[in-house]
Amino acid sequence: MSKKQTDGRRTTQHLYDDFAEFIAGLSPEKILAYHAPEKIQKRVEYLVERKKTGETTPAETQELEKYFLFEHIVRLAKARALKLLAKAAS
């Protein structure tokens, strides 16, 4: 991997981290309680099953990658929300 690619990944990760921090700071309790709507959960499960069997179209693969990115950001926000609540409790 080139230095430019590595720098780009770090920059992107910092962007995700900063955004997750911002979201978590708005309302840690609400972030921790957040779950994707059932309709979205079922769609992701469907796409994952299709991916496992090699049946996804390029559009479905892109859609699945977007869901994974969103999930990553939500997990980051939840981790930061937990830190904020722990810090406030101390």
Protein backbone atom coordinates (compact mmCIF):
# COMPACT_ATOMS: atom_id res chain seq x y z
CA MET A 1 0.00 0.00 0.00
CA SER A 2 1.41 3.40 -0.92
CA LYS A 3 1.93 6.23 1.57
CA LYS A 4 -0.82 8.20 -0.20
CA GLN A 5 -3.31 5.34 0.25
CA THR A 6 -2.32 4.92 3.90
CA ASP A 7 -2.68 8.66 4.52
CA GLY A 8 -6.07 8.62 2.81
CA ARG A 9 -7.28 5.77 5.02
CA ARG A 10 -6.06 7.56 8.16
CA THR A 11 -7.79 10.77 7.05
CA THR A 12 -11.02 8.88 6.40
CA GLN A 13 -10.78 7.12 9.77
CA HIS A 14 -10.26 10.48 11.50
CA LEU A 15 -13.34 11.80 9.73
CA TYR A 16 -15.40 8.85 10.96
CA ASP A 17 -13.99 9.22 14.48
CA ASP A 18 -14.74 12.95 14.59
CA PHE A 19 -18.28 12.42 13.31
CA ALA A 20 -18.90 9.60 15.79
CA GLU A 21 -17.62 11.83 18.60
CA PHE A 22 -19.98 14.60 17.51
CA ILE A 23 -22.98 12.28 17.34
CA ALA A 24 -22.23 10.68 20.70
CA GLY A 25 -21.95 14.09 22.33
CA LEU A 26 -25.44 15.09 21.23
CA SER A 27 -27.17 12.51 23.41
CA PRO A 28 -25.15 9.52 24.60
CA GLU A 29 -28.24 7.76 25.91
CA LYS A 30 -30.06 8.04 22.58
CA ILE A 31 -27.03 6.83 20.65
CA LEU A 32 -26.72 3.77 22.89
CA ALA A 33 -30.42 3.00 22.43
CA TYR A 34 -30.28 3.31 18.62
CA HIS A 35 -30.94 0.26 16.47
CA ALA A 36 -31.53 0.23 12.74
CA PRO A 37 -35.17 -0.22 11.76
CA GLU A 38 -36.23 -3.85 11.36
CA LYS A 39 -36.80 -3.34 7.62
CA ILE A 40 -33.15 -2.31 7.21
CA GLN A 41 -31.92 -5.17 9.40
CA LYS A 42 -33.81 -7.66 7.25
CA ARG A 43 -32.43 -6.11 4.06
CA VAL A 44 -28.86 -6.36 5.37
CA GLU A 45 -29.41 -9.99 6.40
CA TYR A 46 -30.75 -10.74 2.92
CA LEU A 47 -27.77 -9.09 1.24
CA VAL A 48 -25.28 -10.87 3.52
CA GLU A 49 -26.83 -14.22 2.64
CA ARG A 50 -26.66 -13.40 -1.07
CA LYS A 51 -23.02 -12.32 -0.69
CA LYS A 52 -22.15 -15.61 1.07
CA THR A 53 -23.48 -17.54 -1.91
CA GLY A 54 -21.89 -15.22 -4.46
CA GLU A 55 -25.23 -14.05 -5.83
CA THR A 56 -25.01 -10.29 -5.20
CA THR A 57 -25.14 -7.87 -8.07
CA PRO A 58 -22.61 -5.02 -8.15
CA ALA A 59 -25.36 -2.65 -6.97
CA GLU A 60 -26.21 -4.94 -4.05
CA THR A 61 -22.54 -5.18 -3.10
CA GLN A 62 -22.29 -1.38 -3.04
CA GLU A 63 -25.47 -1.16 -0.99
CA LEU A 64 -24.11 -3.67 1.51
CA GLU A 65 -20.82 -1.76 1.78
CA LYS A 66 -22.78 1.41 2.61
CA TYR A 67 -24.66 -0.40 5.36
CA PHE A 68 -21.35 -1.70 6.76
CA LEU A 69 -19.89 1.81 6.73
CA PHE A 70 -22.94 3.17 8.52
CA GLU A 71 -22.71 0.37 11.09
CA HIS A 72 -19.04 1.20 11.65
CA ILE A 73 -19.87 4.86 12.35
CA VAL A 74 -22.69 3.90 14.72
CA ARG A 75 -20.37 1.54 16.62
CA LEU A 76 -17.78 4.30 16.94
CA ALA A 77 -20.46 6.68 18.22
CA LYS A 78 -21.72 4.12 20.73
CA ALA A 79 -18.19 3.52 22.01
CA ARG A 80 -17.71 7.24 22.52
CA ALA A 81 -21.12 7.59 24.13
CA LEU A 82 -20.12 4.95 26.67
CA LYS A 83 -16.91 6.86 27.41
CA LEU A 84 -18.82 10.12 27.83
CA LEU A 85 -21.29 8.52 30.24
CA ALA A 86 -18.50 6.86 32.23
CA LYS A 87 -16.64 10.16 32.43
CA ALA A 88 -19.79 12.00 33.57
CA ALA A 89 -20.44 9.34 36.23
CA SER A 90 -16.94 9.74 37.73
